[in-house]
Amino acid sequence: PVIRACELSKRSLSLLRFAMDSSLLNLTAINPFSGQFESSWRWMTARYTKFQIATVGSVLVHEILYFGICLPGFLAQFLPMMRRFKIQKDKDETFEQQWKCFKLLMFNHFCIQLPLISGTYAFTEFMSIPYNYEAIPVWYVLLLKLYGSLVVEDTWHYFIHRLLHHKSVYKYVHKVHHHFQAPFGMVAEYAHWMETLILGMGFFISVMLFCDHVIYLWAWVAVRLLETIDVHNGYFLPFNPLHLLPFYAGPEYHDFHHMNFNGNYSSTFTYWDWMFGTDKQYKEYLAKKKGSQLKSD
């Protein structure tokens, strides 16, 4: 019986391994860049020049994604059902605040970021970055590069952001971003022009390390905007799929930074704050909040 049981266990393990290998093969065989996407990409590269794709295309990608991702949070303020998810319920965003934010965004987008985006074509030519469909990396390699990009950007952001909070420079640069103690989506890129350049270097370091196709540039823009707008949107949604990312900080984590002004310096993940103890005040805040909820219950 013991021998038979061992044989059955071996067979079961073999079947399990076969099933896992088959599943992995099926996953890697999936090509989300086929079909309509392939047709659209080939049409784009045939119709427009590399310069047009790199400049006009990149500007459109940034603007459409930025305000498209901001839109759900903007609409949430008019929906009573979303009120229970708002982190700082006692602080509503006003029309005056949103208009003030929008005006500076337009300056940053078109006077600071546009000239930088205009250099995309020169960068791709100098680095021999391909545009053609055949050179698009497989989806799982692209995902790994995007996750690596988040790690690199987060590391840069943590240390430089922490420096920007030093009393000798805070009031000159980073104080602009902290004008909003209760952030909303559009606040993500509301900043002094110098901060846009300094913290934005983390984005470009990732590009230098991982870019192997123009699709990576656009995908990285999409991921970075999705993350930064999410942590600034002012709502904690328990069903947010971004929380599936290991060590993901999320809106409540960064909302505390705006509310408290210090601590929680990371942009995406929590481990740098944990390693250097800069999440101590946040942990104390959570413990106090939990204690108050238990008393009220």
Protein backbone atom coordinates (compact mmCIF):
# COMPACT_ATOMS: atom_id res chain seq x y z
CA PRO A 1 0.00 0.00 0.00
CA VAL A 2 2.84 2.39 0.83
CA ILE A 3 4.57 1.70 -2.50
CA ARG A 4 1.26 2.14 -4.35
CA ALA A 5 0.62 5.40 -2.55
CA CYS A 6 4.08 6.66 -3.50
CA GLU A 7 3.48 5.72 -7.13
CA LEU A 8 0.13 7.54 -7.11
CA SER A 9 1.79 10.59 -5.58
CA LYS A 10 4.47 10.58 -8.27
CA ARG A 11 1.84 10.28 -10.98
CA SER A 12 -0.15 13.12 -9.43
CA LEU A 13 2.94 15.33 -9.28
CA SER A 14 3.78 14.49 -12.89
CA LEU A 15 0.25 15.39 -13.98
CA LEU A 16 0.39 18.62 -11.98
CA ARG A 17 3.73 19.59 -13.54
CA PHE A 18 2.40 18.78 -17.00
CA ALA A 19 -0.70 20.90 -16.36
CA MET A 20 1.41 23.83 -15.08
CA ASP A 21 3.83 23.59 -18.00
CA SER A 22 0.91 23.47 -20.43
CA SER A 23 -0.71 26.49 -18.77
CA LEU A 24 2.54 28.46 -18.94
CA LEU A 25 2.99 27.51 -22.58
CA ASN A 26 -0.56 28.61 -23.32
CA LEU A 27 0.00 31.92 -21.54
CA THR A 28 3.27 32.65 -23.31
CA ALA A 29 1.67 31.73 -26.63
CA ILE A 30 -1.00 34.42 -26.18
CA ASN A 31 -0.33 37.50 -28.27
CA PRO A 32 -2.38 40.52 -27.16
CA PHE A 33 -0.66 42.54 -29.89
CA SER A 34 -2.26 40.58 -32.71
CA GLY A 35 -5.55 41.12 -34.56
CA GLN A 36 -6.92 44.66 -34.53
CA PHE A 37 -3.90 45.97 -32.63
CA GLU A 38 -1.54 44.65 -35.32
CA SER A 39 -3.65 46.19 -38.10
CA SER A 40 -3.77 49.55 -36.32
CA TRP A 41 -0.05 49.59 -35.57
CA ARG A 42 0.88 48.69 -39.16
CA TRP A 43 -1.51 51.39 -40.44
CA MET A 44 0.04 53.98 -38.11
CA THR A 45 3.64 53.19 -39.07
CA ALA A 46 2.75 53.15 -42.78
CA ARG A 47 0.81 56.42 -42.70
CA TYR A 48 2.95 58.55 -40.37
CA THR A 49 6.67 59.25 -40.12
CA LYS A 50 8.76 58.28 -37.11
CA PHE A 51 8.99 61.95 -36.19
CA GLN A 52 5.20 62.34 -36.21
CA ILE A 53 4.71 59.17 -34.16
CA ALA A 54 7.39 60.11 -31.63
CA THR A 55 6.28 63.73 -31.13
CA VAL A 56 2.59 64.22 -31.97
CA GLY A 57 1.78 60.61 -31.06
CA SER A 58 3.53 60.82 -27.70
CA VAL A 59 1.87 64.14 -26.80
CA LEU A 60 -1.56 62.70 -27.65
CA VAL A 61 -0.84 59.54 -25.66
CA HIS A 62 0.16 61.60 -22.61
CA GLU A 63 -2.74 64.05 -22.72
CA ILE A 64 -5.46 61.48 -23.52
CA LEU A 65 -4.21 59.09 -20.86
CA TYR A 66 -3.71 61.77 -18.21
CA PHE A 67 -7.16 63.29 -18.38
CA GLY A 68 -8.80 59.96 -19.24
CA ILE A 69 -7.42 58.37 -16.07
CA CYS A 70 -8.35 61.49 -14.06
CA LEU A 71 -11.95 61.40 -15.33
CA PRO A 72 -13.38 58.66 -13.03
CA GLY A 73 -12.03 60.46 -9.94
CA PHE A 74 -13.41 63.76 -11.21
CA LEU A 75 -16.87 62.21 -11.72
CA ALA A 76 -16.73 60.47 -8.33
CA GLN A 77 -17.15 63.81 -6.51
CA PHE A 78 -20.68 64.06 -7.98
CA LEU A 79 -21.71 60.50 -7.02
CA PRO A 80 -23.07 60.08 -3.45
CA MET A 81 -22.33 56.33 -3.57
CA MET A 82 -18.59 57.11 -3.84
CA ARG A 83 -18.59 59.25 -0.71
CA ARG A 84 -17.86 56.27 1.56
CA PHE A 85 -14.63 55.58 -0.34
CA LYS A 86 -13.27 59.14 0.04
CA ILE A 87 -10.24 59.19 2.34
CA GLN A 88 -10.53 62.74 3.71
CA LYS A 89 -14.29 63.10 3.86
CA ASP A 90 -14.14 66.52 5.51
CA LYS A 91 -12.23 68.09 2.61
CA ASP A 92 -13.98 68.39 -0.73
CA GLU A 93 -12.31 69.62 -3.88
CA THR A 94 -13.84 72.92 -5.02
CA PHE A 95 -14.16 74.32 -8.53
CA GLU A 96 -11.59 77.01 -7.64
CA GLN A 97 -9.07 74.37 -6.53
CA GLN A 98 -9.57 72.29 -9.65
CA TRP A 99 -9.28 75.32 -11.94
CA LYS A 100 -6.08 76.42 -10.16
CA CYS A 101 -4.70 72.91 -10.61
CA PHE A 102 -5.70 72.73 -14.29
CA LYS A 103 -4.00 76.04 -15.16
CA LEU A 104 -0.63 74.96 -13.74
CA LEU A 105 -1.03 71.57 -15.41
CA MET A 106 -1.38 73.24 -18.79
CA PHE A 107 1.79 75.22 -18.17
CA ASN A 108 3.72 72.12 -17.10
CA HIS A 109 2.36 69.95 -19.91
CA PHE A 110 3.01 72.37 -22.77
CA CYS A 111 5.89 74.52 -21.55
CA ILE A 112 7.96 71.93 -19.66
CA GLN A 113 6.94 68.44 -20.77
CA LEU A 114 6.24 69.19 -24.44
CA PRO A 115 9.85 70.24 -25.19
CA LEU A 116 11.05 67.06 -23.44
CA ILE A 117 8.60 64.89 -25.38
CA SER A 118 9.78 66.58 -28.59
CA GLY A 119 13.16 64.99 -27.97
CA THR A 120 11.68 61.49 -28.22
CA TYR A 121 12.42 61.21 -31.94
CA ALA A 122 16.08 62.19 -31.48
CA PHE A 123 16.39 59.70 -28.62
CA THR A 124 14.89 56.81 -30.57
CA GLU A 125 17.09 57.56 -33.58
CA PHE A 126 20.26 57.86 -31.50
CA MET A 127 19.49 54.65 -29.57
CA SER A 128 18.18 52.82 -32.69
CA ILE A 129 14.82 52.17 -31.03
CA PRO A 130 12.52 50.37 -33.52
CA TYR A 131 8.96 51.36 -34.41
CA ASN A 132 7.96 48.42 -36.64
CA TYR A 133 5.42 45.83 -35.57
CA GLU A 134 7.77 42.87 -35.97
CA ALA A 135 10.12 44.25 -33.28
CA ILE A 136 7.43 44.61 -30.58
CA PRO A 137 8.54 42.54 -27.56
CA VAL A 138 6.37 39.69 -26.27
CA TRP A 139 3.84 40.79 -23.68
CA TYR A 140 5.40 39.12 -20.62
CA VAL A 141 8.82 40.65 -21.35
CA LEU A 142 7.16 44.06 -21.68
CA LEU A 143 5.36 43.54 -18.36
CA LEU A 144 8.61 42.61 -16.60
CA LYS A 145 10.29 45.71 -18.01
CA LEU A 146 7.39 47.88 -16.82
CA TYR A 147 7.55 46.43 -13.32
CA GLY A 148 11.31 46.99 -13.30
CA SER A 149 10.67 50.56 -14.43
CA LEU A 150 8.37 51.12 -11.45
CA VAL A 151 11.06 49.82 -9.10
CA VAL A 152 13.73 52.11 -10.59
CA GLU A 153 11.46 55.18 -10.64
CA ASP A 154 10.27 54.51 -7.09
CA THR A 155 13.86 54.31 -5.84
CA TRP A 156 14.77 57.64 -7.47
CA HIS A 157 11.53 59.21 -6.26
CA TYR A 158 12.00 58.13 -2.64
CA PHE A 159 15.46 59.64 -2.13
CA ILE A 160 14.96 62.80 -4.22
CA HIS A 161 11.48 63.40 -2.82
CA ARG A 162 12.88 63.09 0.69
CA LEU A 163 15.59 65.63 -0.17
CA LEU A 164 12.95 68.02 -1.51
CA HIS A 165 11.36 67.97 1.95
CA HIS A 166 14.55 69.32 3.55
CA LYS A 167 13.80 72.65 5.20
CA SER A 168 16.47 74.44 3.14
CA VAL A 169 14.70 73.77 -0.19
CA TYR A 170 11.13 72.71 0.62
CA LYS A 171 9.53 76.17 0.47
CA TYR A 172 11.16 76.97 -2.88
CA VAL A 173 10.12 73.89 -4.87
CA HIS A 174 8.09 71.05 -3.35
CA LYS A 175 5.75 73.29 -1.36
CA VAL A 176 3.83 73.96 -4.59
CA HIS A 177 2.75 70.32 -4.85
CA HIS A 178 1.68 70.33 -1.19
CA HIS A 179 -0.74 73.19 -1.78
CA PHE A 180 -3.42 70.48 -1.78
CA GLN A 181 -3.60 68.67 1.58
CA ALA A 182 -6.47 66.54 0.28
CA PRO A 183 -5.31 65.58 -3.23
CA PHE A 184 -7.44 64.63 -6.21
CA GLY A 185 -6.39 62.99 -9.49
CA MET A 186 -5.22 66.06 -11.37
CA VAL A 187 -2.86 66.97 -8.52
CA ALA A 188 -0.54 64.15 -9.68
CA GLU A 189 1.41 66.51 -11.96
CA TYR A 190 0.64 69.76 -10.14
CA ALA A 191 4.17 70.84 -9.22
CA HIS A 192 6.86 73.48 -9.53
CA TRP A 193 8.49 73.26 -12.97
CA MET A 194 11.82 72.40 -11.35
CA GLU A 195 10.24 69.48 -9.49
CA THR A 196 8.73 68.25 -12.75
CA LEU A 197 12.26 68.05 -14.17
CA ILE A 198 14.00 66.66 -11.07
CA LEU A 199 11.54 63.94 -10.08
CA GLY A 200 10.85 63.24 -13.75
CA MET A 201 14.43 62.02 -14.11
CA GLY A 202 13.32 58.75 -12.53
CA PHE A 203 11.05 58.16 -15.49
CA PHE A 204 13.89 58.78 -17.97
CA ILE A 205 16.36 56.59 -16.08
CA SER A 206 13.92 53.70 -16.54
CA VAL A 207 13.65 54.56 -20.24
CA MET A 208 17.44 54.44 -20.61
CA LEU A 209 17.57 51.05 -18.90
CA PHE A 210 14.60 49.25 -20.44
CA CYS A 211 13.48 50.87 -23.70
CA ASP A 212 13.75 48.49 -26.67
CA HIS A 213 10.75 49.66 -28.72
CA VAL A 214 8.59 52.78 -28.98
CA ILE A 215 5.67 50.76 -27.60
CA TYR A 216 7.58 50.50 -24.31
CA LEU A 217 7.67 54.32 -24.11
CA TRP A 218 3.91 54.59 -24.48
CA ALA A 219 3.23 51.65 -22.16
CA TRP A 220 5.56 53.14 -19.53
CA VAL A 221 3.77 56.50 -19.80
CA ALA A 222 0.44 54.69 -19.30
CA VAL A 223 1.63 52.69 -16.27
CA ARG A 224 3.31 55.65 -14.59
CA LEU A 225 0.29 57.92 -15.10
CA LEU A 226 -2.10 55.23 -13.88
CA GLU A 227 -0.03 54.78 -10.72
CA THR A 228 0.55 58.44 -9.86
CA ILE A 229 -3.05 59.49 -10.55
CA ASP A 230 -4.31 56.53 -8.53
CA VAL A 231 -2.29 57.47 -5.42
CA HIS A 232 -3.47 61.09 -5.71
CA ASN A 233 -7.16 60.47 -6.45
CA GLY A 234 -8.31 60.75 -2.82
CA TYR A 235 -10.38 57.54 -2.86
CA PHE A 236 -9.53 54.15 -1.39
CA LEU A 237 -11.21 51.48 -3.48
CA PRO A 238 -10.86 47.96 -1.98
CA PHE A 239 -11.41 46.42 -5.44
CA ASN A 240 -8.56 48.40 -7.02
CA PRO A 241 -6.54 45.87 -9.12
CA LEU A 242 -3.31 47.84 -8.53
CA HIS A 243 -3.34 46.49 -4.97
CA LEU A 244 -2.37 43.12 -6.46
CA LEU A 245 1.12 44.53 -7.08
CA PRO A 246 3.53 43.40 -4.34
CA PHE A 247 4.31 46.21 -1.87
CA TYR A 248 1.97 48.64 -3.68
CA ALA A 249 1.41 51.76 -1.56
CA GLY A 250 -1.92 53.03 -2.88
CA PRO A 251 -4.03 56.17 -2.35
CA GLU A 252 -4.40 56.02 1.44
CA TYR A 253 -0.63 55.72 1.85
CA HIS A 254 0.17 58.78 -0.25
CA ASP A 255 -2.87 60.70 0.95
CA PHE A 256 -1.33 60.60 4.42
CA HIS A 257 1.82 62.20 3.01
CA HIS A 258 -0.22 65.17 1.75
CA MET A 259 -2.16 65.37 4.99
CA ASN A 260 0.91 65.04 7.25
CA PHE A 261 3.57 66.66 4.97
CA ASN A 262 6.22 64.19 6.15
CA GLY A 263 6.83 60.45 5.81
CA ASN A 264 5.66 58.04 3.10
CA TYR A 265 8.05 59.46 0.51
CA SER A 266 7.86 56.60 -2.00
CA SER A 267 5.81 57.00 -5.17
CA THR A 268 4.72 53.40 -5.77
CA PHE A 269 5.94 50.87 -3.22
CA THR A 270 6.32 50.77 0.57
CA TYR A 271 9.65 49.05 1.17
CA TRP A 272 11.96 52.12 1.12
CA ASP A 273 9.84 53.86 3.76
CA TRP A 274 9.81 50.65 5.79
CA MET A 275 13.59 50.19 5.51
CA PHE A 276 14.36 53.77 6.60
CA GLY A 277 11.54 54.10 9.13
CA THR A 278 9.87 56.99 7.33
CA ASP A 279 6.49 55.26 7.60
CA LYS A 280 6.50 55.41 11.41
CA GLN A 281 4.02 58.28 11.66
CA TYR A 282 1.75 56.56 9.14
CA LYS A 283 1.71 53.35 11.20
CA GLU A 284 0.90 55.36 14.33
CA TYR A 285 -1.90 57.11 12.43
CA LEU A 286 -3.36 53.76 11.30
CA ALA A 287 -3.16 52.35 14.84
CA LYS A 288 -4.91 55.43 16.26
CA LYS A 289 -7.55 55.28 13.51
CA LYS A 290 -8.17 51.60 14.21
CA GLY A 291 -8.47 52.29 17.95
CA SER A 292 -11.03 55.03 17.33
CA GLN A 293 -13.09 52.71 15.10
CA LEU A 294 -13.07 49.98 17.78
CA LYS A 295 -14.27 52.47 20.40
CA SER A 296 -17.06 53.71 18.16
CA ASP A 297 -18.18 50.11 17.50
